[in-house]
Amino acid sequence: MEYLHKYAEELESLLAKVAKDQKLLHEFLFDLLTPEEYKDIAIRWQIVKQIKQDIPFRDIAKNLKVATATVSRGSRELMSKKGGFNLVYEKFYQK
């Protein structure tokens, strides 16, 4: 994948190192993101997990208090079987 910004690769490398310490990761993300961005990212991952569990979009929207359009956007990312959402879900949640 091509980087859309010249600093993205450095950030990803740093996140990989920071992720080894969950408390440090939390502190870093809390400082890096606004509270709304932090919440949105967490909800986006919950959308992905619920879609992967075949929960209907309307139920996901109700469960997470988001619009069905938000759930639809998350589902589009899952269409790429080699995309990051699918790869992470399969590695850490697939049994």
PDB file of N, CA and C in Angstrom:
ATOM      1  N   MET A   1       0.834  -1.174   0.000  1.00  0.00           N
ATOM      2  CA  MET A   1       0.000   0.000   0.000  1.00  0.00           C
ATOM      3  C   MET A   1       0.882   1.240   0.000  1.00  0.00           C
ATOM      4  N   GLU A   2       0.510   2.198  -0.766  1.00  0.00           N
ATOM      5  CA  GLU A   2       1.255   3.446  -0.846  1.00  0.00           C
ATOM      6  C   GLU A   2       0.847   4.359   0.313  1.00  0.00           C
ATOM      7  N   TYR A   3       1.827   5.007   0.914  1.00  0.00           N
ATOM      8  CA  TYR A   3       1.535   5.938   2.005  1.00  0.00           C
ATOM      9  C   TYR A   3       0.964   7.233   1.452  1.00  0.00           C
ATOM     10  N   LEU A   4      -0.065   7.734   2.104  1.00  0.00           N
ATOM     11  CA  LEU A   4      -0.708   8.964   1.662  1.00  0.00           C
ATOM     12  C   LEU A   4      -0.054  10.201   2.264  1.00  0.00           C
ATOM     13  N   HIS A   5       0.799  10.000   3.225  1.00  0.00           N
ATOM     14  CA  HIS A   5       1.495  11.117   3.846  1.00  0.00           C
ATOM     15  C   HIS A   5       2.909  10.668   4.201  1.00  0.00           C
ATOM     16  N   LYS A   6       3.861  11.541   4.055  1.00  0.00           N
ATOM     17  CA  LYS A   6       5.256  11.144   4.228  1.00  0.00           C
ATOM     18  C   LYS A   6       5.609  10.726   5.656  1.00  0.00           C
ATOM     19  N   TYR A   7       4.793  11.079   6.642  1.00  0.00           N
ATOM     20  CA  TYR A   7       5.102  10.723   8.026  1.00  0.00           C
ATOM     21  C   TYR A   7       4.379   9.458   8.501  1.00  0.00           C
ATOM     22  N   ALA A   8       3.548   8.884   7.675  1.00  0.00           N
ATOM     23  CA  ALA A   8       2.727   7.733   8.076  1.00  0.00           C
ATOM     24  C   ALA A   8       3.573   6.521   8.446  1.00  0.00           C
ATOM     25  N   GLU A   9       4.595   6.237   7.671  1.00  0.00           N
ATOM     26  CA  GLU A   9       5.425   5.060   7.941  1.00  0.00           C
ATOM     27  C   GLU A   9       6.103   5.194   9.311  1.00  0.00           C
ATOM     28  N   GLU A  10       6.576   6.384   9.633  1.00  0.00           N
ATOM     29  CA  GLU A  10       7.208   6.605  10.935  1.00  0.00           C
ATOM     30  C   GLU A  10       6.200   6.383  12.063  1.00  0.00           C
ATOM     31  N   LEU A  11       4.983   6.891  11.895  1.00  0.00           N
ATOM     32  CA  LEU A  11       3.954   6.718  12.920  1.00  0.00           C
ATOM     33  C   LEU A  11       3.626   5.241  13.119  1.00  0.00           C
ATOM     34  N   GLU A  12       3.479   4.502  12.040  1.00  0.00           N
ATOM     35  CA  GLU A  12       3.170   3.074  12.148  1.00  0.00           C
ATOM     36  C   GLU A  12       4.285   2.319  12.860  1.00  0.00           C
ATOM     37  N   SER A  13       5.509   2.649  12.537  1.00  0.00           N
ATOM     38  CA  SER A  13       6.651   2.007  13.187  1.00  0.00           C
ATOM     39  C   SER A  13       6.656   2.318  14.685  1.00  0.00           C
ATOM     40  N   LEU A  14       6.387   3.566  15.026  1.00  0.00           N
ATOM     41  CA  LEU A  14       6.336   3.959  16.428  1.00  0.00           C
ATOM     42  C   LEU A  14       5.197   3.245  17.153  1.00  0.00           C
ATOM     43  N   LEU A  15       4.019   3.164  16.531  1.00  0.00           N
ATOM     44  CA  LEU A  15       2.886   2.466  17.149  1.00  0.00           C
ATOM     45  C   LEU A  15       3.212   0.999  17.413  1.00  0.00           C
ATOM     46  N   ALA A  16       3.913   0.365  16.490  1.00  0.00           N
ATOM     47  CA  ALA A  16       4.291  -1.036  16.678  1.00  0.00           C
ATOM     48  C   ALA A  16       5.179  -1.191  17.918  1.00  0.00           C
ATOM     49  N   LYS A  17       6.065  -0.248  18.132  1.00  0.00           N
ATOM     50  CA  LYS A  17       6.948  -0.307  19.304  1.00  0.00           C
ATOM     51  C   LYS A  17       6.175   0.015  20.580  1.00  0.00           C
ATOM     52  N   VAL A  18       5.359   1.045  20.536  1.00  0.00           N
ATOM     53  CA  VAL A  18       4.599   1.482  21.708  1.00  0.00           C
ATOM     54  C   VAL A  18       3.573   0.422  22.115  1.00  0.00           C
ATOM     55  N   ALA A  19       3.035  -0.310  21.159  1.00  0.00           N
ATOM     56  CA  ALA A  19       1.977  -1.292  21.422  1.00  0.00           C
ATOM     57  C   ALA A  19       2.424  -2.404  22.363  1.00  0.00           C
ATOM     58  N   LYS A  20       3.706  -2.557  22.542  1.00  0.00           N
ATOM     59  CA  LYS A  20       4.207  -3.600  23.453  1.00  0.00           C
ATOM     60  C   LYS A  20       3.933  -3.267  24.914  1.00  0.00           C
ATOM     61  N   ASP A  21       3.550  -2.022  25.190  1.00  0.00           N
ATOM     62  CA  ASP A  21       3.236  -1.565  26.543  1.00  0.00           C
ATOM     63  C   ASP A  21       1.832  -0.944  26.500  1.00  0.00           C
ATOM     64  N   GLN A  22       0.836  -1.684  26.961  1.00  0.00           N
ATOM     65  CA  GLN A  22      -0.555  -1.246  26.815  1.00  0.00           C
ATOM     66  C   GLN A  22      -0.823   0.091  27.496  1.00  0.00           C
ATOM     67  N   LYS A  23      -0.256   0.321  28.663  1.00  0.00           N
ATOM     68  CA  LYS A  23      -0.471   1.599  29.357  1.00  0.00           C
ATOM     69  C   LYS A  23       0.125   2.749  28.548  1.00  0.00           C
ATOM     70  N   LEU A  24       1.328   2.553  28.029  1.00  0.00           N
ATOM     71  CA  LEU A  24       1.965   3.581  27.209  1.00  0.00           C
ATOM     72  C   LEU A  24       1.167   3.817  25.927  1.00  0.00           C
ATOM     73  N   LEU A  25       0.677   2.742  25.326  1.00  0.00           N
ATOM     74  CA  LEU A  25      -0.139   2.879  24.118  1.00  0.00           C
ATOM     75  C   LEU A  25      -1.377   3.711  24.401  1.00  0.00           C
ATOM     76  N   HIS A  26      -2.045   3.417  25.501  1.00  0.00           N
ATOM     77  CA  HIS A  26      -3.233   4.189  25.877  1.00  0.00           C
ATOM     78  C   HIS A  26      -2.886   5.673  26.028  1.00  0.00           C
ATOM     79  N   GLU A  27      -1.832   5.956  26.768  1.00  0.00           N
ATOM     80  CA  GLU A  27      -1.433   7.352  27.001  1.00  0.00           C
ATOM     81  C   GLU A  27      -1.076   8.050  25.687  1.00  0.00           C
ATOM     82  N   PHE A  28      -0.359   7.346  24.827  1.00  0.00           N
ATOM     83  CA  PHE A  28       0.051   7.932  23.549  1.00  0.00           C
ATOM     84  C   PHE A  28      -1.164   8.222  22.664  1.00  0.00           C
ATOM     85  N   LEU A  29      -2.063   7.245  22.538  1.00  0.00           N
ATOM     86  CA  LEU A  29      -3.255   7.451  21.713  1.00  0.00           C
ATOM     87  C   LEU A  29      -4.145   8.537  22.298  1.00  0.00           C
ATOM     88  N   PHE A  30      -4.248   8.576  23.617  1.00  0.00           N
ATOM     89  CA  PHE A  30      -5.076   9.590  24.271  1.00  0.00           C
ATOM     90  C   PHE A  30      -4.550  10.993  23.974  1.00  0.00           C
ATOM     91  N   ASP A  31      -3.232  11.133  23.900  1.00  0.00           N
ATOM     92  CA  ASP A  31      -2.635  12.434  23.570  1.00  0.00           C
ATOM     93  C   ASP A  31      -2.678  12.717  22.073  1.00  0.00           C
ATOM     94  N   LEU A  32      -2.538  11.692  21.272  1.00  0.00           N
ATOM     95  CA  LEU A  32      -2.478  11.848  19.819  1.00  0.00           C
ATOM     96  C   LEU A  32      -3.833  12.216  19.221  1.00  0.00           C
ATOM     97  N   LEU A  33      -4.895  11.635  19.759  1.00  0.00           N
ATOM     98  CA  LEU A  33      -6.237  11.796  19.207  1.00  0.00           C
ATOM     99  C   LEU A  33      -7.095  12.675  20.105  1.00  0.00           C
ATOM    100  N   THR A  34      -8.080  13.302  19.506  1.00  0.00           N
ATOM    101  CA  THR A  34      -9.067  14.000  20.317  1.00  0.00           C
ATOM    102  C   THR A  34      -9.946  12.938  20.989  1.00  0.00           C
ATOM    103  N   PRO A  35     -10.641  13.291  22.065  1.00  0.00           N
ATOM    104  CA  PRO A  35     -11.538  12.306  22.675  1.00  0.00           C
ATOM    105  C   PRO A  35     -12.562  11.742  21.677  1.00  0.00           C
ATOM    106  N   GLU A  36     -13.063  12.573  20.794  1.00  0.00           N
ATOM    107  CA  GLU A  36     -14.043  12.121  19.791  1.00  0.00           C
ATOM    108  C   GLU A  36     -13.411  11.152  18.792  1.00  0.00           C
ATOM    109  N   GLU A  37     -12.190  11.443  18.346  1.00  0.00           N
ATOM    110  CA  GLU A  37     -11.492  10.537  17.420  1.00  0.00           C
ATOM    111  C   GLU A  37     -11.227   9.195  18.086  1.00  0.00           C
ATOM    112  N   TYR A  38     -10.811   9.230  19.339  1.00  0.00           N
ATOM    113  CA  TYR A  38     -10.532   8.003  20.093  1.00  0.00           C
ATOM    114  C   TYR A  38     -11.794   7.142  20.169  1.00  0.00           C
ATOM    115  N   LYS A  39     -12.906   7.790  20.513  1.00  0.00           N
ATOM    116  CA  LYS A  39     -14.192   7.084  20.607  1.00  0.00           C
ATOM    117  C   LYS A  39     -14.613   6.532  19.243  1.00  0.00           C
ATOM    118  N   ASP A  40     -14.461   7.344  18.196  1.00  0.00           N
ATOM    119  CA  ASP A  40     -14.859   6.911  16.854  1.00  0.00           C
ATOM    120  C   ASP A  40     -14.071   5.696  16.378  1.00  0.00           C
ATOM    121  N   ILE A  41     -12.796   5.670  16.667  1.00  0.00           N
ATOM    122  CA  ILE A  41     -11.965   4.525  16.273  1.00  0.00           C
ATOM    123  C   ILE A  41     -12.409   3.272  17.023  1.00  0.00           C
ATOM    124  N   ALA A  42     -12.668   3.419  18.312  1.00  0.00           N
ATOM    125  CA  ALA A  42     -13.119   2.275  19.111  1.00  0.00           C
ATOM    126  C   ALA A  42     -14.454   1.745  18.594  1.00  0.00           C
ATOM    127  N   ILE A  43     -15.369   2.646  18.259  1.00  0.00           N
ATOM    128  CA  ILE A  43     -16.673   2.229  17.729  1.00  0.00           C
ATOM    129  C   ILE A  43     -16.512   1.590  16.354  1.00  0.00           C
ATOM    130  N   ARG A  44     -15.645   2.136  15.537  1.00  0.00           N
ATOM    131  CA  ARG A  44     -15.428   1.565  14.200  1.00  0.00           C
ATOM    132  C   ARG A  44     -15.005   0.102  14.312  1.00  0.00           C
ATOM    133  N   TRP A  45     -14.133  -0.205  15.268  1.00  0.00           N
ATOM    134  CA  TRP A  45     -13.705  -1.592  15.437  1.00  0.00           C
ATOM    135  C   TRP A  45     -14.870  -2.457  15.923  1.00  0.00           C
ATOM    136  N   GLN A  46     -15.721  -1.930  16.792  1.00  0.00           N
ATOM    137  CA  GLN A  46     -16.882  -2.689  17.241  1.00  0.00           C
ATOM    138  C   GLN A  46     -17.833  -2.966  16.076  1.00  0.00           C
ATOM    139  N   ILE A  47     -17.962  -2.016  15.165  1.00  0.00           N
ATOM    140  CA  ILE A  47     -18.772  -2.217  13.961  1.00  0.00           C
ATOM    141  C   ILE A  47     -18.218  -3.384  13.160  1.00  0.00           C
ATOM    142  N   VAL A  48     -16.912  -3.389  12.951  1.00  0.00           N
ATOM    143  CA  VAL A  48     -16.266  -4.470  12.197  1.00  0.00           C
ATOM    144  C   VAL A  48     -16.539  -5.817  12.858  1.00  0.00           C
ATOM    145  N   LYS A  49     -16.335  -5.888  14.160  1.00  0.00           N
ATOM    146  CA  LYS A  49     -16.543  -7.158  14.860  1.00  0.00           C
ATOM    147  C   LYS A  49     -17.983  -7.645  14.729  1.00  0.00           C
ATOM    148  N   GLN A  50     -18.943  -6.734  14.861  1.00  0.00           N
ATOM    149  CA  GLN A  50     -20.338  -7.147  14.786  1.00  0.00           C
ATOM    150  C   GLN A  50     -20.731  -7.540  13.360  1.00  0.00           C
ATOM    151  N   ILE A  51     -20.186  -6.858  12.370  1.00  0.00           N
ATOM    152  CA  ILE A  51     -20.448  -7.264  10.978  1.00  0.00           C
ATOM    153  C   ILE A  51     -19.902  -8.669  10.747  1.00  0.00           C
ATOM    154  N   LYS A  52     -18.705  -8.922  11.239  1.00  0.00           N
ATOM    155  CA  LYS A  52     -18.087 -10.247  11.067  1.00  0.00           C
ATOM    156  C   LYS A  52     -18.896 -11.335  11.776  1.00  0.00           C
ATOM    157  N   GLN A  53     -19.674 -10.960  12.779  1.00  0.00           N
ATOM    158  CA  GLN A  53     -20.514 -11.921  13.498  1.00  0.00           C
ATOM    159  C   GLN A  53     -21.904 -12.020  12.873  1.00  0.00           C
ATOM    160  N   ASP A  54     -22.065 -11.405  11.683  1.00  0.00           N
ATOM    161  CA  ASP A  54     -23.325 -11.436  10.932  1.00  0.00           C
ATOM    162  C   ASP A  54     -24.508 -10.817  11.666  1.00  0.00           C
ATOM    163  N   ILE A  55     -24.237  -9.826  12.468  1.00  0.00           N
ATOM    164  CA  ILE A  55     -25.312  -9.089  13.131  1.00  0.00           C
ATOM    165  C   ILE A  55     -25.897  -8.110  12.106  1.00  0.00           C
ATOM    166  N   PRO A  56     -27.207  -8.047  11.965  1.00  0.00           N
ATOM    167  CA  PRO A  56     -27.811  -7.128  10.992  1.00  0.00           C
ATOM    168  C   PRO A  56     -27.401  -5.671  11.231  1.00  0.00           C
ATOM    169  N   PHE A  57     -27.252  -4.937  10.126  1.00  0.00           N
ATOM    170  CA  PHE A  57     -26.799  -3.546  10.196  1.00  0.00           C
ATOM    171  C   PHE A  57     -27.649  -2.706  11.131  1.00  0.00           C
ATOM    172  N   ARG A  58     -28.961  -2.857  11.060  1.00  0.00           N
ATOM    173  CA  ARG A  58     -29.838  -2.051  11.924  1.00  0.00           C
ATOM    174  C   ARG A  58     -29.588  -2.352  13.403  1.00  0.00           C
ATOM    175  N   ASP A  59     -29.333  -3.610  13.710  1.00  0.00           N
ATOM    176  CA  ASP A  59     -29.038  -3.992  15.102  1.00  0.00           C
ATOM    177  C   ASP A  59     -27.699  -3.421  15.545  1.00  0.00           C
ATOM    178  N   ILE A  60     -26.718  -3.452  14.656  1.00  0.00           N
ATOM    179  CA  ILE A  60     -25.401  -2.874  14.978  1.00  0.00           C
ATOM    180  C   ILE A  60     -25.565  -1.385  15.263  1.00  0.00           C
ATOM    181  N   ALA A  61     -26.280  -0.707  14.392  1.00  0.00           N
ATOM    182  CA  ALA A  61     -26.508   0.734  14.566  1.00  0.00           C
ATOM    183  C   ALA A  61     -27.170   1.013  15.916  1.00  0.00           C
ATOM    184  N   LYS A  62     -28.149   0.207  16.251  1.00  0.00           N
ATOM    185  CA  LYS A  62     -28.855   0.379  17.535  1.00  0.00           C
ATOM    186  C   LYS A  62     -27.922   0.061  18.704  1.00  0.00           C
ATOM    187  N   ASN A  63     -27.184  -1.046  18.609  1.00  0.00           N
ATOM    188  CA  ASN A  63     -26.261  -1.459  19.679  1.00  0.00           C
ATOM    189  C   ASN A  63     -25.223  -0.381  19.987  1.00  0.00           C
ATOM    190  N   LEU A  64     -24.704   0.238  18.934  1.00  0.00           N
ATOM    191  CA  LEU A  64     -23.593   1.178  19.087  1.00  0.00           C
ATOM    192  C   LEU A  64     -24.016   2.644  19.028  1.00  0.00           C
ATOM    193  N   LYS A  65     -25.322   2.858  18.838  1.00  0.00           N
ATOM    194  CA  LYS A  65     -25.865   4.221  18.762  1.00  0.00           C
ATOM    195  C   LYS A  65     -25.189   5.041  17.657  1.00  0.00           C
ATOM    196  N   VAL A  66     -25.147   4.420  16.456  1.00  0.00           N
ATOM    197  CA  VAL A  66     -24.608   5.093  15.271  1.00  0.00           C
ATOM    198  C   VAL A  66     -25.628   4.968  14.153  1.00  0.00           C
ATOM    199  N   ALA A  67     -25.434   5.740  13.097  1.00  0.00           N
ATOM    200  CA  ALA A  67     -26.323   5.668  11.942  1.00  0.00           C
ATOM    201  C   ALA A  67     -26.024   4.408  11.128  1.00  0.00           C
ATOM    202  N   THR A  68     -27.031   3.911  10.434  1.00  0.00           N
ATOM    203  CA  THR A  68     -26.802   2.739   9.572  1.00  0.00           C
ATOM    204  C   THR A  68     -25.795   3.071   8.476  1.00  0.00           C
ATOM    205  N   ALA A  69     -25.720   4.331   8.064  1.00  0.00           N
ATOM    206  CA  ALA A  69     -24.720   4.735   7.063  1.00  0.00           C
ATOM    207  C   ALA A  69     -23.303   4.525   7.597  1.00  0.00           C
ATOM    208  N   THR A  70     -23.112   4.743   8.882  1.00  0.00           N
ATOM    209  CA  THR A  70     -21.802   4.518   9.502  1.00  0.00           C
ATOM    210  C   THR A  70     -21.454   3.038   9.445  1.00  0.00           C
ATOM    211  N   VAL A  71     -22.422   2.194   9.705  1.00  0.00           N
ATOM    212  CA  VAL A  71     -22.205   0.747   9.639  1.00  0.00           C
ATOM    213  C   VAL A  71     -21.901   0.337   8.195  1.00  0.00           C
ATOM    214  N   SER A  72     -22.604   0.909   7.248  1.00  0.00           N
ATOM    215  CA  SER A  72     -22.372   0.599   5.834  1.00  0.00           C
ATOM    216  C   SER A  72     -20.959   0.951   5.408  1.00  0.00           C
ATOM    217  N   ARG A  73     -20.464   2.090   5.878  1.00  0.00           N
ATOM    218  CA  ARG A  73     -19.086   2.481   5.540  1.00  0.00           C
ATOM    219  C   ARG A  73     -18.105   1.450   6.076  1.00  0.00           C
ATOM    220  N   GLY A  74     -18.343   0.965   7.281  1.00  0.00           N
ATOM    221  CA  GLY A  74     -17.475  -0.067   7.848  1.00  0.00           C
ATOM    222  C   GLY A  74     -17.518  -1.342   7.043  1.00  0.00           C
ATOM    223  N   SER A  75     -18.679  -1.683   6.527  1.00  0.00           N
ATOM    224  CA  SER A  75     -18.809  -2.923   5.759  1.00  0.00           C
ATOM    225  C   SER A  75     -18.058  -2.844   4.436  1.00  0.00           C
ATOM    226  N   ARG A  76     -17.989  -1.654   3.846  1.00  0.00           N
ATOM    227  CA  ARG A  76     -17.247  -1.507   2.585  1.00  0.00           C
ATOM    228  C   ARG A  76     -15.778  -1.851   2.773  1.00  0.00           C
ATOM    229  N   GLU A  77     -15.219  -1.498   3.919  1.00  0.00           N
ATOM    230  CA  GLU A  77     -13.817  -1.812   4.184  1.00  0.00           C
ATOM    231  C   GLU A  77     -13.592  -3.318   4.288  1.00  0.00           C
ATOM    232  N   LEU A  78     -14.611  -4.043   4.689  1.00  0.00           N
ATOM    233  CA  LEU A  78     -14.485  -5.495   4.839  1.00  0.00           C
ATOM    234  C   LEU A  78     -14.582  -6.237   3.508  1.00  0.00           C
ATOM    235  N   MET A  79     -14.963  -5.550   2.461  1.00  0.00           N
ATOM    236  CA  MET A  79     -15.083  -6.205   1.157  1.00  0.00           C
ATOM    237  C   MET A  79     -13.730  -6.681   0.630  1.00  0.00           C
ATOM    238  N   SER A  80     -12.669  -6.011   1.022  1.00  0.00           N
ATOM    239  CA  SER A  80     -11.327  -6.440   0.631  1.00  0.00           C
ATOM    240  C   SER A  80     -10.866  -7.509   1.603  1.00  0.00           C
ATOM    241  N   LYS A  81     -10.818  -8.748   1.133  1.00  0.00           N
ATOM    242  CA  LYS A  81     -10.442  -9.865   2.005  1.00  0.00           C
ATOM    243  C   LYS A  81      -9.008  -9.747   2.501  1.00  0.00           C
ATOM    244  N   LYS A  82      -8.184  -8.982   1.796  1.00  0.00           N
ATOM    245  CA  LYS A  82      -6.792  -8.797   2.212  1.00  0.00           C
ATOM    246  C   LYS A  82      -6.595  -7.476   2.940  1.00  0.00           C
ATOM    247  N   GLY A  83      -7.693  -6.789   3.248  1.00  0.00           N
ATOM    248  CA  GLY A  83      -7.617  -5.520   3.957  1.00  0.00           C
ATOM    249  C   GLY A  83      -7.277  -5.717   5.422  1.00  0.00           C
ATOM    250  N   GLY A  84      -6.869  -4.647   6.060  1.00  0.00           N
ATOM    251  CA  GLY A  84      -6.427  -4.698   7.446  1.00  0.00           C
ATOM    252  C   GLY A  84      -7.486  -5.178   8.421  1.00  0.00           C
ATOM    253  N   PHE A  85      -8.739  -4.760   8.237  1.00  0.00           N
ATOM    254  CA  PHE A  85      -9.784  -5.203   9.150  1.00  0.00           C
ATOM    255  C   PHE A  85      -9.910  -6.725   9.133  1.00  0.00           C
ATOM    256  N   ASN A  86      -9.981  -7.307   7.943  1.00  0.00           N
ATOM    257  CA  ASN A  86     -10.116  -8.759   7.838  1.00  0.00           C
ATOM    258  C   ASN A  86      -8.889  -9.476   8.390  1.00  0.00           C
ATOM    259  N   LEU A  87      -7.712  -8.985   8.071  1.00  0.00           N
ATOM    260  CA  LEU A  87      -6.486  -9.626   8.535  1.00  0.00           C
ATOM    261  C   LEU A  87      -6.387  -9.613  10.060  1.00  0.00           C
ATOM    262  N   VAL A  88      -6.692  -8.481  10.667  1.00  0.00           N
ATOM    263  CA  VAL A  88      -6.619  -8.383  12.129  1.00  0.00           C
ATOM    264  C   VAL A  88      -7.704  -9.232  12.780  1.00  0.00           C
ATOM    265  N   TYR A  89      -8.908  -9.186  12.241  1.00  0.00           N
ATOM    266  CA  TYR A  89      -9.994  -9.986  12.818  1.00  0.00           C
ATOM    267  C   TYR A  89      -9.649 -11.470  12.757  1.00  0.00           C
ATOM    268  N   GLU A  90      -9.168 -11.925  11.614  1.00  0.00           N
ATOM    269  CA  GLU A  90      -8.827 -13.341  11.467  1.00  0.00           C
ATOM    270  C   GLU A  90      -7.694 -13.747  12.398  1.00  0.00           C
ATOM    271  N   LYS A  91      -6.734 -12.867  12.562  1.00  0.00           N
ATOM    272  CA  LYS A  91      -5.570 -13.209  13.413  1.00  0.00           C
ATOM    273  C   LYS A  91      -5.934 -13.235  14.897  1.00  0.00           C
ATOM    274  N   PHE A  92      -6.775 -12.314  15.353  1.00  0.00           N
ATOM    275  CA  PHE A  92      -7.000 -12.178  16.785  1.00  0.00           C
ATOM    276  C   PHE A  92      -8.384 -12.623  17.270  1.00  0.00           C
ATOM    277  N   TYR A  93      -9.347 -12.817  16.363  1.00  0.00           N
ATOM    278  CA  TYR A  93     -10.696 -13.156  16.799  1.00  0.00           C
ATOM    279  C   TYR A  93     -11.228 -14.457  16.219  1.00  0.00           C
ATOM    280  N   GLN A  94     -10.665 -14.896  15.106  1.00  0.00           N
ATOM    281  CA  GLN A  94     -11.144 -16.126  14.468  1.00  0.00           C
ATOM    282  C   GLN A  94     -10.728 -17.333  15.295  1.00  0.00           C
ATOM    283  N   LYS A  95     -11.666 -18.223  15.513  1.00  0.00           N
ATOM    284  CA  LYS A  95     -11.347 -19.417  16.315  1.00  0.00           C
ATOM    285  C   LYS A  95     -11.480 -20.660  15.496  1.00  0.00           C
TER     286      LYS A  95
END
